[in-house]
Amino acid sequence: MLVRNFWKKAVILVIIVIILRDWVIKMAKKLSANNIEAETKEGLTLVDFWAEWCGPCRMLNPVLEELEKKYQGKIKFAKVNVDDNQALAQSYQIMSIPAVILFKDGVAKEKVVGYKPKDAWEKYLDSKLAQN
C-alpha cells in the first residue's frame, strides 16, 4: 500500500513537472500577416513556414522545438502555417516547405529550404549569433 501511494505521487509529480516545463518555456509563436512585423522587429527570429500535411515539416518540428529551448533568450522562434497564410507565404516567395527564414531586426535575411538535422541547425545558428 505504501509503495503504491509512493508511485502514484511520483507519477503525479512527473506530470506536473512536464506541464510546468512546457508552460515556462515559451514555445514558437504563431505568426500571420497581422503580427509578423511586430514579432520579428527586434533581434534574431527564426520563422518556420510549414503545413500539417508536410512530412518533412513534421520531421523538422521536434528539431526546432529542441533548438528553441537551447537558444531561449538568444533567438526567437515562430511558425507560419502556409495553408492558413497563403498570401504571407507568397510575399516571402515560399515555393517549397519546410522553409525557414531568419529575420534580423525585422528584415528577412536568409531562407533555408528542406529538412536539416539538429547539428546542422546548431552550426548555422551559432554562426549567426557570432555575427550578431
C-alpha atoms as a PDB file:
ATOM      1  CA  MET A   1       0.000   0.000   0.000  1.00  0.00           C
ATOM      2  CA  LEU A   2       2.770   2.432   0.954  1.00  0.00           C
ATOM      3  CA  VAL A   3       4.711   1.630  -2.217  1.00  0.00           C
ATOM      4  CA  ARG A   4       1.607   2.058  -4.392  1.00  0.00           C
ATOM      5  CA  ASN A   5       0.899   5.507  -2.889  1.00  0.00           C
ATOM      6  CA  PHE A   6       4.528   6.488  -3.440  1.00  0.00           C
ATOM      7  CA  TRP A   7       4.333   5.620  -7.147  1.00  0.00           C
ATOM      8  CA  LYS A   8       1.031   7.430  -7.576  1.00  0.00           C
ATOM      9  CA  LYS A   9       2.540  10.569  -6.056  1.00  0.00           C
ATOM     10  CA  ALA A  10       5.690  10.177  -8.150  1.00  0.00           C
ATOM     11  CA  VAL A  11       3.679   9.902 -11.363  1.00  0.00           C
ATOM     12  CA  ILE A  12       1.594  12.943 -10.452  1.00  0.00           C
ATOM     13  CA  LEU A  13       4.755  14.905  -9.679  1.00  0.00           C
ATOM     14  CA  VAL A  14       6.314  13.979 -13.035  1.00  0.00           C
ATOM     15  CA  ILE A  15       3.159  15.074 -14.850  1.00  0.00           C
ATOM     16  CA  ILE A  16       3.162  18.401 -13.014  1.00  0.00           C
ATOM     17  CA  VAL A  17       6.843  18.969 -13.842  1.00  0.00           C
ATOM     18  CA  ILE A  18       6.210  18.261 -17.535  1.00  0.00           C
ATOM     19  CA  ILE A  19       3.241  20.629 -17.632  1.00  0.00           C
ATOM     20  CA  LEU A  20       5.134  23.392 -15.842  1.00  0.00           C
ATOM     21  CA  ARG A  21       8.213  22.922 -18.014  1.00  0.00           C
ATOM     22  CA  ASP A  22       6.168  23.382 -21.161  1.00  0.00           C
ATOM     23  CA  TRP A  23       4.342  26.337 -19.643  1.00  0.00           C
ATOM     24  CA  VAL A  24       7.553  28.089 -18.572  1.00  0.00           C
ATOM     25  CA  ILE A  25       9.380  27.503 -21.854  1.00  0.00           C
ATOM     26  CA  LYS A  26       7.835  29.826 -24.375  1.00  0.00           C
ATOM     27  CA  MET A  27       7.019  27.792 -27.457  1.00  0.00           C
ATOM     28  CA  ALA A  28       7.144  29.092 -31.013  1.00  0.00           C
ATOM     29  CA  LYS A  29       4.801  31.997 -31.630  1.00  0.00           C
ATOM     30  CA  LYS A  30       2.199  31.503 -34.355  1.00  0.00           C
ATOM     31  CA  LEU A  31       2.533  34.247 -36.947  1.00  0.00           C
ATOM     32  CA  SER A  32       0.236  35.735 -39.557  1.00  0.00           C
ATOM     33  CA  ALA A  33       0.230  38.858 -41.701  1.00  0.00           C
ATOM     34  CA  ASN A  34      -1.212  40.685 -38.685  1.00  0.00           C
ATOM     35  CA  ASN A  35       1.738  40.113 -36.354  1.00  0.00           C
ATOM     36  CA  ILE A  36       4.840  39.081 -38.314  1.00  0.00           C
ATOM     37  CA  GLU A  37       6.338  42.581 -38.373  1.00  0.00           C
ATOM     38  CA  ALA A  38       5.870  43.127 -34.636  1.00  0.00           C
ATOM     39  CA  GLU A  39       7.164  39.678 -33.699  1.00  0.00           C
ATOM     40  CA  THR A  40      10.315  39.867 -35.851  1.00  0.00           C
ATOM     41  CA  LYS A  41      11.251  43.529 -35.346  1.00  0.00           C
ATOM     42  CA  GLU A  42      13.937  43.013 -32.684  1.00  0.00           C
ATOM     43  CA  GLY A  43      16.887  40.655 -32.683  1.00  0.00           C
ATOM     44  CA  LEU A  44      17.052  37.293 -34.422  1.00  0.00           C
ATOM     45  CA  THR A  45      13.856  35.409 -35.186  1.00  0.00           C
ATOM     46  CA  LEU A  46      13.691  32.046 -36.953  1.00  0.00           C
ATOM     47  CA  VAL A  47      10.357  31.649 -38.747  1.00  0.00           C
ATOM     48  CA  ASP A  48       9.284  28.183 -39.884  1.00  0.00           C
ATOM     49  CA  PHE A  49       6.880  28.112 -42.849  1.00  0.00           C
ATOM     50  CA  TRP A  50       5.115  24.748 -42.629  1.00  0.00           C
ATOM     51  CA  ALA A  51       1.919  22.776 -43.256  1.00  0.00           C
ATOM     52  CA  GLU A  52       0.201  19.995 -41.339  1.00  0.00           C
ATOM     53  CA  TRP A  53       0.268  17.600 -44.316  1.00  0.00           C
ATOM     54  CA  CYS A  54       4.011  18.095 -44.981  1.00  0.00           C
ATOM     55  CA  GLY A  55       6.100  15.084 -43.860  1.00  0.00           C
ATOM     56  CA  PRO A  56       9.456  16.909 -43.762  1.00  0.00           C
ATOM     57  CA  CYS A  57       7.769  19.728 -41.798  1.00  0.00           C
ATOM     58  CA  ARG A  58       6.634  17.217 -39.180  1.00  0.00           C
ATOM     59  CA  MET A  59      10.196  15.850 -39.020  1.00  0.00           C
ATOM     60  CA  LEU A  60      11.630  19.346 -38.550  1.00  0.00           C
ATOM     61  CA  ASN A  61       9.196  20.401 -35.825  1.00  0.00           C
ATOM     62  CA  PRO A  62      10.804  18.466 -32.915  1.00  0.00           C
ATOM     63  CA  VAL A  63      14.246  19.663 -34.036  1.00  0.00           C
ATOM     64  CA  LEU A  64      13.097  23.281 -33.897  1.00  0.00           C
ATOM     65  CA  GLU A  65      11.441  22.701 -30.511  1.00  0.00           C
ATOM     66  CA  GLU A  66      14.744  21.434 -29.090  1.00  0.00           C
ATOM     67  CA  LEU A  67      16.618  24.355 -30.628  1.00  0.00           C
ATOM     68  CA  GLU A  68      14.104  26.788 -29.189  1.00  0.00           C
ATOM     69  CA  LYS A  69      14.893  25.507 -25.709  1.00  0.00           C
ATOM     70  CA  LYS A  70      18.649  25.657 -26.320  1.00  0.00           C
ATOM     71  CA  TYR A  71      18.625  29.193 -27.744  1.00  0.00           C
ATOM     72  CA  GLN A  72      15.984  30.621 -25.414  1.00  0.00           C
ATOM     73  CA  GLY A  73      16.714  34.300 -24.803  1.00  0.00           C
ATOM     74  CA  LYS A  74      19.050  34.486 -27.813  1.00  0.00           C
ATOM     75  CA  ILE A  75      16.826  33.653 -30.788  1.00  0.00           C
ATOM     76  CA  LYS A  76      13.044  33.819 -31.041  1.00  0.00           C
ATOM     77  CA  PHE A  77      11.229  31.000 -32.830  1.00  0.00           C
ATOM     78  CA  ALA A  78       7.976  31.388 -34.736  1.00  0.00           C
ATOM     79  CA  LYS A  79       5.767  29.451 -37.166  1.00  0.00           C
ATOM     80  CA  VAL A  80       3.611  30.300 -40.151  1.00  0.00           C
ATOM     81  CA  ASN A  81       1.072  27.752 -41.379  1.00  0.00           C
ATOM     82  CA  VAL A  82       1.193  28.258 -45.148  1.00  0.00           C
ATOM     83  CA  ASP A  83      -2.294  26.821 -45.649  1.00  0.00           C
ATOM     84  CA  ASP A  84      -3.763  29.461 -43.328  1.00  0.00           C
ATOM     85  CA  ASN A  85      -1.479  32.274 -44.547  1.00  0.00           C
ATOM     86  CA  GLN A  86      -1.051  31.773 -48.286  1.00  0.00           C
ATOM     87  CA  ALA A  87      -0.584  35.458 -49.132  1.00  0.00           C
ATOM     88  CA  LEU A  88       2.083  35.819 -46.443  1.00  0.00           C
ATOM     89  CA  ALA A  89       3.933  32.757 -47.751  1.00  0.00           C
ATOM     90  CA  GLN A  90       3.776  34.169 -51.271  1.00  0.00           C
ATOM     91  CA  SER A  91       5.124  37.526 -50.105  1.00  0.00           C
ATOM     92  CA  TYR A  92       8.252  35.719 -48.843  1.00  0.00           C
ATOM     93  CA  GLN A  93       8.420  33.631 -52.030  1.00  0.00           C
ATOM     94  CA  ILE A  94       7.860  30.323 -50.252  1.00  0.00           C
ATOM     95  CA  MET A  95       7.767  27.744 -53.065  1.00  0.00           C
ATOM     96  CA  SER A  96       8.682  24.622 -51.064  1.00  0.00           C
ATOM     97  CA  ILE A  97       8.267  23.657 -47.435  1.00  0.00           C
ATOM     98  CA  PRO A  98       9.599  23.390 -44.894  1.00  0.00           C
ATOM     99  CA  ALA A  99      11.170  26.775 -45.442  1.00  0.00           C
ATOM    100  CA  VAL A 100      12.772  28.645 -42.573  1.00  0.00           C
ATOM    101  CA  ILE A 101      13.578  32.345 -42.778  1.00  0.00           C
ATOM    102  CA  LEU A 102      15.984  34.062 -40.419  1.00  0.00           C
ATOM    103  CA  PHE A 103      14.918  37.608 -39.593  1.00  0.00           C
ATOM    104  CA  LYS A 104      17.261  40.156 -38.074  1.00  0.00           C
ATOM    105  CA  ASP A 105      15.635  43.270 -36.655  1.00  0.00           C
ATOM    106  CA  GLY A 106      12.556  42.828 -38.833  1.00  0.00           C
ATOM    107  CA  VAL A 107      14.384  42.120 -42.092  1.00  0.00           C
ATOM    108  CA  ALA A 108      14.302  38.691 -43.754  1.00  0.00           C
ATOM    109  CA  LYS A 109      17.994  37.843 -44.179  1.00  0.00           C
ATOM    110  CA  GLU A 110      18.218  34.200 -45.250  1.00  0.00           C
ATOM    111  CA  LYS A 111      15.982  31.320 -46.263  1.00  0.00           C
ATOM    112  CA  VAL A 112      16.762  27.638 -45.659  1.00  0.00           C
ATOM    113  CA  VAL A 113      14.566  25.144 -47.509  1.00  0.00           C
ATOM    114  CA  GLY A 114      14.101  21.487 -46.633  1.00  0.00           C
ATOM    115  CA  TYR A 115      14.797  19.298 -43.642  1.00  0.00           C
ATOM    116  CA  LYS A 116      18.161  19.687 -41.895  1.00  0.00           C
ATOM    117  CA  PRO A 117      19.310  17.706 -38.840  1.00  0.00           C
ATOM    118  CA  LYS A 118      19.745  19.327 -35.449  1.00  0.00           C
ATOM    119  CA  ASP A 119      23.556  19.544 -35.618  1.00  0.00           C
ATOM    120  CA  ALA A 120      23.379  21.402 -38.952  1.00  0.00           C
ATOM    121  CA  TRP A 121      20.918  23.897 -37.433  1.00  0.00           C
ATOM    122  CA  GLU A 122      23.143  24.360 -34.375  1.00  0.00           C
ATOM    123  CA  LYS A 123      26.146  25.197 -36.564  1.00  0.00           C
ATOM    124  CA  TYR A 124      24.038  27.603 -38.607  1.00  0.00           C
ATOM    125  CA  LEU A 125      22.507  29.359 -35.588  1.00  0.00           C
ATOM    126  CA  ASP A 126      25.834  29.540 -33.721  1.00  0.00           C
ATOM    127  CA  SER A 127      27.397  31.228 -36.742  1.00  0.00           C
ATOM    128  CA  LYS A 128      24.531  33.745 -36.909  1.00  0.00           C
ATOM    129  CA  LEU A 129      24.855  34.537 -33.208  1.00  0.00           C
ATOM    130  CA  ALA A 130      28.603  35.063 -33.645  1.00  0.00           C
ATOM    131  CA  GLN A 131      27.881  37.584 -36.445  1.00  0.00           C
ATOM    132  CA  ASN A 132      25.226  39.381 -34.417  1.00  0.00           C
END
